[in-house]
PDB file of all heavy atoms in Angstrom:
ATOM      1  N   GLN A   1     -80.054 -31.419 -84.824  1.00  0.00           N
ATOM      2  CA  GLN A   1     -81.317 -30.933 -84.265  1.00  0.00           C
ATOM      3  C   GLN A   1     -81.184 -30.713 -82.763  1.00  0.00           C
ATOM      4  O   GLN A   1     -81.621 -29.696 -82.212  1.00  0.00           O
ATOM      5  CB  GLN A   1     -82.428 -31.962 -84.523  1.00  0.00           C
ATOM      6  CG  GLN A   1     -82.857 -32.093 -85.980  1.00  0.00           C
ATOM      7  CD  GLN A   1     -84.009 -31.176 -86.346  1.00  0.00           C
ATOM      8  OE1 GLN A   1     -84.332 -30.260 -85.612  1.00  0.00           O
ATOM      9  NE2 GLN A   1     -84.609 -31.409 -87.502  1.00  0.00           N
ATOM     10  N   GLY A   2     -80.565 -31.683 -82.081  1.00  0.00           N
ATOM     11  CA  GLY A   2     -80.400 -31.573 -80.638  1.00  0.00           C
ATOM     12  C   GLY A   2     -79.527 -30.404 -80.235  1.00  0.00           C
ATOM     13  O   GLY A   2     -79.754 -29.773 -79.186  1.00  0.00           O
ATOM     14  N   LEU A   3     -78.522 -30.100 -81.060  1.00  0.00           N
ATOM     15  CA  LEU A   3     -77.661 -28.954 -80.761  1.00  0.00           C
ATOM     16  C   LEU A   3     -78.471 -27.660 -80.817  1.00  0.00           C
ATOM     17  O   LEU A   3     -78.322 -26.785 -79.951  1.00  0.00           O
ATOM     18  CB  LEU A   3     -76.500 -28.900 -81.754  1.00  0.00           C
ATOM     19  CG  LEU A   3     -75.559 -27.713 -81.626  1.00  0.00           C
ATOM     20  CD1 LEU A   3     -74.917 -27.646 -80.233  1.00  0.00           C
ATOM     21  CD2 LEU A   3     -74.462 -27.780 -82.705  1.00  0.00           C
ATOM     22  N   GLY A   4     -79.331 -27.538 -81.810  1.00  0.00           N
ATOM     23  CA  GLY A   4     -80.180 -26.351 -81.891  1.00  0.00           C
ATOM     24  C   GLY A   4     -81.097 -26.219 -80.680  1.00  0.00           C
ATOM     25  O   GLY A   4     -81.289 -25.119 -80.148  1.00  0.00           O
ATOM     26  N   GLU A   5     -81.641 -27.331 -80.235  1.00  0.00           N
ATOM     27  CA  GLU A   5     -82.496 -27.305 -79.050  1.00  0.00           C
ATOM     28  C   GLU A   5     -81.712 -26.917 -77.803  1.00  0.00           C
ATOM     29  O   GLU A   5     -82.220 -26.177 -76.943  1.00  0.00           O
ATOM     30  CB  GLU A   5     -83.140 -28.682 -78.873  1.00  0.00           C
ATOM     31  CG  GLU A   5     -84.123 -29.037 -79.986  1.00  0.00           C
ATOM     32  CD  GLU A   5     -84.516 -30.507 -79.979  1.00  0.00           C
ATOM     33  OE1 GLU A   5     -84.073 -31.230 -79.038  1.00  0.00           O
ATOM     34  OE2 GLU A   5     -85.240 -30.945 -80.902  1.00  0.00           O
ATOM     35  N   LEU A   6     -80.477 -27.400 -77.694  1.00  0.00           N
ATOM     36  CA  LEU A   6     -79.635 -27.052 -76.549  1.00  0.00           C
ATOM     37  C   LEU A   6     -79.344 -25.553 -76.530  1.00  0.00           C
ATOM     38  O   LEU A   6     -79.381 -24.911 -75.466  1.00  0.00           O
ATOM     39  CB  LEU A   6     -78.331 -27.851 -76.593  1.00  0.00           C
ATOM     40  CG  LEU A   6     -77.283 -27.500 -75.532  1.00  0.00           C
ATOM     41  CD1 LEU A   6     -77.819 -27.753 -74.127  1.00  0.00           C
ATOM     42  CD2 LEU A   6     -75.995 -28.297 -75.765  1.00  0.00           C
ATOM     43  N   ILE A   7     -79.064 -24.967 -77.686  1.00  0.00           N
ATOM     44  CA  ILE A   7     -78.772 -23.534 -77.768  1.00  0.00           C
ATOM     45  C   ILE A   7     -79.959 -22.724 -77.256  1.00  0.00           C
ATOM     46  O   ILE A   7     -79.801 -21.783 -76.450  1.00  0.00           O
ATOM     47  CB  ILE A   7     -78.425 -23.137 -79.220  1.00  0.00           C
ATOM     48  CG1 ILE A   7     -77.079 -23.736 -79.623  1.00  0.00           C
ATOM     49  CG2 ILE A   7     -78.401 -21.617 -79.377  1.00  0.00           C
ATOM     50  CD1 ILE A   7     -76.768 -23.588 -81.106  1.00  0.00           C
ATOM     51  N   LEU A   8     -81.146 -23.081 -77.686  1.00  0.00           N
ATOM     52  CA  LEU A   8     -82.336 -22.321 -77.272  1.00  0.00           C
ATOM     53  C   LEU A   8     -82.661 -22.539 -75.800  1.00  0.00           C
ATOM     54  O   LEU A   8     -83.099 -21.610 -75.107  1.00  0.00           O
ATOM     55  CB  LEU A   8     -83.525 -22.713 -78.144  1.00  0.00           C
ATOM     56  CG  LEU A   8     -83.409 -22.357 -79.634  1.00  0.00           C
ATOM     57  CD1 LEU A   8     -84.672 -22.726 -80.379  1.00  0.00           C
ATOM     58  CD2 LEU A   8     -83.092 -20.884 -79.831  1.00  0.00           C
ATOM     59  N   ARG A   9     -82.440 -23.756 -75.307  1.00  0.00           N
ATOM     60  CA  ARG A   9     -82.682 -24.016 -73.891  1.00  0.00           C
ATOM     61  C   ARG A   9     -81.702 -23.226 -73.030  1.00  0.00           C
ATOM     62  O   ARG A   9     -82.089 -22.647 -71.999  1.00  0.00           O
ATOM     63  CB  ARG A   9     -82.553 -25.511 -73.609  1.00  0.00           C
ATOM     64  CG  ARG A   9     -82.976 -25.907 -72.204  1.00  0.00           C
ATOM     65  CD  ARG A   9     -83.230 -27.398 -72.093  1.00  0.00           C
ATOM     66  NE  ARG A   9     -82.064 -28.204 -72.368  1.00  0.00           N
ATOM     67  CZ  ARG A   9     -81.898 -28.958 -73.448  1.00  0.00           C
ATOM     68  NH1 ARG A   9     -82.853 -29.003 -74.386  1.00  0.00           N
ATOM     69  NH2 ARG A   9     -80.803 -29.667 -73.618  1.00  0.00           N
ATOM     70  N   LEU A  10     -80.437 -23.162 -73.463  1.00  0.00           N
ATOM     71  CA  LEU A  10     -79.443 -22.378 -72.740  1.00  0.00           C
ATOM     72  C   LEU A  10     -79.793 -20.898 -72.776  1.00  0.00           C
ATOM     73  O   LEU A  10     -79.699 -20.193 -71.762  1.00  0.00           O
ATOM     74  CB  LEU A  10     -78.057 -22.615 -73.357  1.00  0.00           C
ATOM     75  CG  LEU A  10     -76.891 -21.843 -72.748  1.00  0.00           C
ATOM     76  CD1 LEU A  10     -76.681 -22.237 -71.288  1.00  0.00           C
ATOM     77  CD2 LEU A  10     -75.605 -22.095 -73.550  1.00  0.00           C
ATOM     78  N   ARG A  11     -80.232 -20.424 -73.928  1.00  0.00           N
ATOM     79  CA  ARG A  11     -80.643 -19.018 -74.060  1.00  0.00           C
ATOM     80  C   ARG A  11     -81.777 -18.691 -73.096  1.00  0.00           C
ATOM     81  O   ARG A  11     -81.736 -17.674 -72.382  1.00  0.00           O
ATOM     82  CB  ARG A  11     -81.071 -18.752 -75.500  1.00  0.00           C
ATOM     83  CG  ARG A  11     -81.550 -17.327 -75.762  1.00  0.00           C
ATOM     84  CD  ARG A  11     -82.425 -17.249 -76.989  1.00  0.00           C
ATOM     85  NE  ARG A  11     -83.678 -18.002 -76.801  1.00  0.00           N
ATOM     86  CZ  ARG A  11     -84.624 -18.100 -77.745  1.00  0.00           C
ATOM     87  NH1 ARG A  11     -84.466 -17.505 -78.920  1.00  0.00           N
ATOM     88  NH2 ARG A  11     -85.722 -18.791 -77.500  1.00  0.00           N
ATOM     89  N   ASP A  12     -82.790 -19.532 -73.079  1.00  0.00           N
ATOM     90  CA  ASP A  12     -83.955 -19.262 -72.233  1.00  0.00           C
ATOM     91  C   ASP A  12     -83.584 -19.267 -70.755  1.00  0.00           C
ATOM     92  O   ASP A  12     -84.078 -18.431 -69.978  1.00  0.00           O
ATOM     93  CB  ASP A  12     -85.043 -20.297 -72.506  1.00  0.00           C
ATOM     94  CG  ASP A  12     -85.637 -20.170 -73.907  1.00  0.00           C
ATOM     95  OD1 ASP A  12     -85.400 -19.127 -74.543  1.00  0.00           O
ATOM     96  OD2 ASP A  12     -86.310 -21.113 -74.348  1.00  0.00           O
ATOM     97  N   LYS A  13     -82.706 -20.189 -70.363  1.00  0.00           N
ATOM     98  CA  LYS A  13     -82.307 -20.277 -68.954  1.00  0.00           C
ATOM     99  C   LYS A  13     -81.524 -19.032 -68.531  1.00  0.00           C
ATOM    100  O   LYS A  13     -81.762 -18.461 -67.464  1.00  0.00           O
ATOM    101  CB  LYS A  13     -81.447 -21.516 -68.743  1.00  0.00           C
ATOM    102  CG  LYS A  13     -82.193 -22.829 -68.862  1.00  0.00           C
ATOM    103  CD  LYS A  13     -82.562 -23.354 -67.495  1.00  0.00           C
ATOM    104  CE  LYS A  13     -83.180 -24.732 -67.589  1.00  0.00           C
ATOM    105  NZ  LYS A  13     -83.471 -25.297 -66.261  1.00  0.00           N
ATOM    106  N   ILE A  14     -80.569 -18.613 -69.378  1.00  0.00           N
ATOM    107  CA  ILE A  14     -79.727 -17.470 -69.019  1.00  0.00           C
ATOM    108  C   ILE A  14     -80.538 -16.175 -69.040  1.00  0.00           C
ATOM    109  O   ILE A  14     -80.457 -15.354 -68.116  1.00  0.00           O
ATOM    110  CB  ILE A  14     -78.517 -17.387 -69.959  1.00  0.00           C
ATOM    111  CG1 ILE A  14     -77.518 -18.512 -69.645  1.00  0.00           C
ATOM    112  CG2 ILE A  14     -77.835 -16.025 -69.848  1.00  0.00           C
ATOM    113  CD1 ILE A  14     -76.304 -18.539 -70.544  1.00  0.00           C
ATOM    114  N   CYS A  15     -81.316 -15.979 -70.082  1.00  0.00           N
ATOM    115  CA  CYS A  15     -82.036 -14.715 -70.232  1.00  0.00           C
ATOM    116  C   CYS A  15     -83.208 -14.579 -69.263  1.00  0.00           C
ATOM    117  O   CYS A  15     -83.717 -13.471 -69.056  1.00  0.00           O
ATOM    118  CB  CYS A  15     -82.521 -14.553 -71.674  1.00  0.00           C
ATOM    119  SG  CYS A  15     -81.160 -14.438 -72.867  1.00  0.00           S
ATOM    120  N   ALA A  16     -83.627 -15.692 -68.677  1.00  0.00           N
ATOM    121  CA  ALA A  16     -84.692 -15.619 -67.674  1.00  0.00           C
ATOM    122  C   ALA A  16     -84.205 -14.979 -66.384  1.00  0.00           C
ATOM    123  O   ALA A  16     -85.014 -14.499 -65.575  1.00  0.00           O
ATOM    124  CB  ALA A  16     -85.237 -17.017 -67.381  1.00  0.00           C
ATOM    125  N   ASN A  17     -82.893 -14.949 -66.215  1.00  0.00           N
ATOM    126  CA  ASN A  17     -82.298 -14.334 -65.031  1.00  0.00           C
ATOM    127  C   ASN A  17     -82.072 -12.850 -65.314  1.00  0.00           C
ATOM    128  O   ASN A  17     -81.225 -12.496 -66.138  1.00  0.00           O
ATOM    129  CB  ASN A  17     -80.981 -15.025 -64.694  1.00  0.00           C
ATOM    130  CG  ASN A  17     -80.295 -14.434 -63.478  1.00  0.00           C
ATOM    131  OD1 ASN A  17     -80.846 -13.555 -62.798  1.00  0.00           O
ATOM    132  ND2 ASN A  17     -79.080 -14.885 -63.211  1.00  0.00           N
ATOM    133  N   PRO A  18     -82.756 -11.950 -64.649  1.00  0.00           N
ATOM    134  CA  PRO A  18     -82.604 -10.508 -64.934  1.00  0.00           C
ATOM    135  C   PRO A  18     -81.196 -10.005 -64.658  1.00  0.00           C
ATOM    136  O   PRO A  18     -80.773  -8.994 -65.217  1.00  0.00           O
ATOM    137  CB  PRO A  18     -83.636  -9.852 -64.014  1.00  0.00           C
ATOM    138  CG  PRO A  18     -83.917 -10.860 -62.940  1.00  0.00           C
ATOM    139  CD  PRO A  18     -83.756 -12.200 -63.578  1.00  0.00           C
ATOM    140  N   ARG A  19     -80.465 -10.718 -63.803  1.00  0.00           N
ATOM    141  CA  ARG A  19     -79.097 -10.280 -63.508  1.00  0.00           C
ATOM    142  C   ARG A  19     -78.139 -10.537 -64.668  1.00  0.00           C
ATOM    143  O   ARG A  19     -77.026 -10.009 -64.673  1.00  0.00           O
ATOM    144  CB  ARG A  19     -78.589 -10.980 -62.243  1.00  0.00           C
ATOM    145  CG  ARG A  19     -79.165 -10.407 -60.953  1.00  0.00           C
ATOM    146  CD  ARG A  19     -78.443 -10.960 -59.739  1.00  0.00           C
ATOM    147  NE  ARG A  19     -78.708 -12.379 -59.549  1.00  0.00           N
ATOM    148  CZ  ARG A  19     -79.754 -12.845 -58.871  1.00  0.00           C
ATOM    149  NH1 ARG A  19     -80.635 -12.006 -58.343  1.00  0.00           N
ATOM    150  NH2 ARG A  19     -79.931 -14.146 -58.708  1.00  0.00           N
ATOM    151  N   SER A  20     -78.543 -11.338 -65.637  1.00  0.00           N
ATOM    152  CA  SER A  20     -77.658 -11.605 -66.780  1.00  0.00           C
ATOM    153  C   SER A  20     -77.469 -10.355 -67.627  1.00  0.00           C
ATOM    154  O   SER A  20     -76.417 -10.161 -68.235  1.00  0.00           O
ATOM    155  CB  SER A  20     -78.225 -12.732 -67.646  1.00  0.00           C
ATOM    156  OG  SER A  20     -79.374 -12.307 -68.357  1.00  0.00           O
ATOM    157  N   GLY A  21     -78.492  -9.483 -67.683  1.00  0.00           N
ATOM    158  CA  GLY A  21     -78.378  -8.250 -68.452  1.00  0.00           C
ATOM    159  C   GLY A  21     -78.429  -8.452 -69.947  1.00  0.00           C
ATOM    160  O   GLY A  21     -78.048  -7.562 -70.713  1.00  0.00           O
ATOM    161  N   VAL A  22     -78.891  -9.631 -70.400  1.00  0.00           N
ATOM    162  CA  VAL A  22     -78.912  -9.927 -71.831  1.00  0.00           C
ATOM    163  C   VAL A  22     -80.320 -10.326 -72.237  1.00  0.00           C
ATOM    164  O   VAL A  22     -80.916 -11.236 -71.648  1.00  0.00           O
ATOM    165  CB  VAL A  22     -77.929 -11.072 -72.182  1.00  0.00           C
ATOM    166  CG1 VAL A  22     -78.015 -11.411 -73.667  1.00  0.00           C
ATOM    167  CG2 VAL A  22     -76.506 -10.679 -71.816  1.00  0.00           C
ATOM    168  N   ALA A  23     -80.856  -9.656 -73.240  1.00  0.00           N
ATOM    169  CA  ALA A  23     -82.162 -10.018 -73.781  1.00  0.00           C
ATOM    170  C   ALA A  23     -82.010 -11.158 -74.780  1.00  0.00           C
ATOM    171  O   ALA A  23     -80.931 -11.372 -75.341  1.00  0.00           O
ATOM    172  CB  ALA A  23     -82.801  -8.810 -74.464  1.00  0.00           C
ATOM    173  N   LYS A  24     -83.086 -11.879 -75.015  1.00  0.00           N
ATOM    174  CA  LYS A  24     -83.017 -13.039 -75.904  1.00  0.00           C
ATOM    175  C   LYS A  24     -82.501 -12.687 -77.293  1.00  0.00           C
ATOM    176  O   LYS A  24     -81.735 -13.445 -77.890  1.00  0.00           O
ATOM    177  CB  LYS A  24     -84.402 -13.698 -76.015  1.00  0.00           C
ATOM    178  CG  LYS A  24     -84.806 -14.534 -74.823  1.00  0.00           C
ATOM    179  CD  LYS A  24     -86.118 -15.260 -75.104  1.00  0.00           C
ATOM    180  CE  LYS A  24     -86.511 -16.151 -73.924  1.00  0.00           C
ATOM    181  NZ  LYS A  24     -87.772 -16.887 -74.199  1.00  0.00           N
ATOM    182  N   GLU A  25     -82.936 -11.541 -77.819  1.00  0.00           N
ATOM    183  CA  GLU A  25     -82.530 -11.194 -79.177  1.00  0.00           C
ATOM    184  C   GLU A  25     -81.042 -10.866 -79.292  1.00  0.00           C
ATOM    185  O   GLU A  25     -80.478 -10.855 -80.389  1.00  0.00           O
ATOM    186  CB  GLU A  25     -83.364 -10.018 -79.712  1.00  0.00           C
ATOM    187  CG  GLU A  25     -83.220  -8.725 -78.930  1.00  0.00           C
ATOM    188  CD  GLU A  25     -84.274  -8.591 -77.847  1.00  0.00           C
ATOM    189  OE1 GLU A  25     -84.777  -9.631 -77.352  1.00  0.00           O
ATOM    190  OE2 GLU A  25     -84.612  -7.445 -77.511  1.00  0.00           O
ATOM    191  N   HIS A  26     -80.388 -10.612 -78.164  1.00  0.00           N
ATOM    192  CA  HIS A  26     -78.958 -10.305 -78.188  1.00  0.00           C
ATOM    193  C   HIS A  26     -78.101 -11.444 -77.639  1.00  0.00           C
ATOM    194  O   HIS A  26     -76.875 -11.326 -77.586  1.00  0.00           O
ATOM    195  CB  HIS A  26     -78.674  -9.027 -77.397  1.00  0.00           C
ATOM    196  CG  HIS A  26     -79.340  -7.813 -77.962  1.00  0.00           C
ATOM    197  ND1 HIS A  26     -79.228  -7.458 -79.277  1.00  0.00           N
ATOM    198  CD2 HIS A  26     -80.151  -6.887 -77.381  1.00  0.00           C
ATOM    199  CE1 HIS A  26     -79.929  -6.353 -79.491  1.00  0.00           C
ATOM    200  NE2 HIS A  26     -80.503  -5.997 -78.364  1.00  0.00           N
ATOM    201  N   PHE A  27     -78.741 -12.537 -77.249  1.00  0.00           N
ATOM    202  CA  PHE A  27     -78.000 -13.698 -76.754  1.00  0.00           C
ATOM    203  C   PHE A  27     -77.192 -14.312 -77.898  1.00  0.00           C
ATOM    204  O   PHE A  27     -77.680 -14.468 -79.013  1.00  0.00           O
ATOM    205  CB  PHE A  27     -78.976 -14.739 -76.197  1.00  0.00           C
ATOM    206  CG  PHE A  27     -78.327 -16.041 -75.823  1.00  0.00           C
ATOM    207  CD1 PHE A  27     -77.786 -16.229 -74.561  1.00  0.00           C
ATOM    208  CD2 PHE A  27     -78.252 -17.094 -76.739  1.00  0.00           C
ATOM    209  CE1 PHE A  27     -77.185 -17.441 -74.218  1.00  0.00           C
ATOM    210  CE2 PHE A  27     -77.668 -18.300 -76.407  1.00  0.00           C
ATOM    211  CZ  PHE A  27     -77.124 -18.469 -75.136  1.00  0.00           C
ATOM    212  N   ARG A  28     -75.936 -14.641 -77.599  1.00  0.00           N
ATOM    213  CA  ARG A  28     -75.075 -15.310 -78.569  1.00  0.00           C
ATOM    214  C   ARG A  28     -74.315 -16.436 -77.881  1.00  0.00           C
ATOM    215  O   ARG A  28     -74.136 -16.433 -76.661  1.00  0.00           O
ATOM    216  CB  ARG A  28     -74.082 -14.331 -79.203  1.00  0.00           C
ATOM    217  CG  ARG A  28     -74.712 -13.244 -80.057  1.00  0.00           C
ATOM    218  CD  ARG A  28     -75.361 -13.808 -81.314  1.00  0.00           C
ATOM    219  NE  ARG A  28     -75.954 -12.761 -82.137  1.00  0.00           N
ATOM    220  CZ  ARG A  28     -77.199 -12.328 -82.039  1.00  0.00           C
ATOM    221  NH1 ARG A  28     -78.004 -12.834 -81.114  1.00  0.00           N
ATOM    222  NH2 ARG A  28     -77.648 -11.388 -82.843  1.00  0.00           N
ATOM    223  N   VAL A  29     -73.848 -17.386 -78.688  1.00  0.00           N
ATOM    224  CA  VAL A  29     -73.123 -18.529 -78.155  1.00  0.00           C
ATOM    225  C   VAL A  29     -71.952 -18.843 -79.085  1.00  0.00           C
ATOM    226  O   VAL A  29     -72.025 -18.631 -80.301  1.00  0.00           O
ATOM    227  CB  VAL A  29     -74.061 -19.748 -78.008  1.00  0.00           C
ATOM    228  CG1 VAL A  29     -74.526 -20.241 -79.375  1.00  0.00           C
ATOM    229  CG2 VAL A  29     -73.394 -20.870 -77.250  1.00  0.00           C
ATOM    230  N   HIS A  30     -70.854 -19.316 -78.501  1.00  0.00           N
ATOM    231  CA  HIS A  30     -69.718 -19.810 -79.273  1.00  0.00           C
ATOM    232  C   HIS A  30     -69.791 -21.327 -79.326  1.00  0.00           C
ATOM    233  O   HIS A  30     -69.981 -21.979 -78.286  1.00  0.00           O
ATOM    234  CB  HIS A  30     -68.386 -19.413 -78.626  1.00  0.00           C
ATOM    235  CG  HIS A  30     -68.114 -17.945 -78.609  1.00  0.00           C
ATOM    236  ND1 HIS A  30     -68.256 -17.148 -79.722  1.00  0.00           N
ATOM    237  CD2 HIS A  30     -67.657 -17.126 -77.613  1.00  0.00           C
ATOM    238  CE1 HIS A  30     -67.914 -15.909 -79.411  1.00  0.00           C
ATOM    239  NE2 HIS A  30     -67.563 -15.865 -78.150  1.00  0.00           N
ATOM    240  N   LEU A  31     -69.613 -21.902 -80.514  1.00  0.00           N
ATOM    241  CA  LEU A  31     -69.514 -23.346 -80.661  1.00  0.00           C
ATOM    242  C   LEU A  31     -68.053 -23.731 -80.825  1.00  0.00           C
ATOM    243  O   LEU A  31     -67.334 -23.128 -81.633  1.00  0.00           O
ATOM    244  CB  LEU A  31     -70.320 -23.836 -81.869  1.00  0.00           C
ATOM    245  CG  LEU A  31     -71.829 -23.550 -81.863  1.00  0.00           C
ATOM    246  CD1 LEU A  31     -72.474 -24.120 -83.124  1.00  0.00           C
ATOM    247  CD2 LEU A  31     -72.482 -24.106 -80.608  1.00  0.00           C
ATOM    248  N   VAL A  32     -67.607 -24.715 -80.059  1.00  0.00           N
ATOM    249  CA  VAL A  32     -66.230 -25.222 -80.136  1.00  0.00           C
ATOM    250  C   VAL A  32     -66.339 -26.721 -80.345  1.00  0.00           C
ATOM    251  O   VAL A  32     -67.005 -27.413 -79.550  1.00  0.00           O
ATOM    252  CB  VAL A  32     -65.438 -24.905 -78.850  1.00  0.00           C
ATOM    253  CG1 VAL A  32     -64.034 -25.483 -78.929  1.00  0.00           C
ATOM    254  CG2 VAL A  32     -65.388 -23.401 -78.619  1.00  0.00           C
TER     255      VAL A  32
END
């Protein structure tokens, strides 16, 4: 559950920056 919350928190932080050039619906993450 916490991993899912971390993914969404990271998405929101990155996509809130207009310089990232990535919209929320196109945000992706690699899990290692």
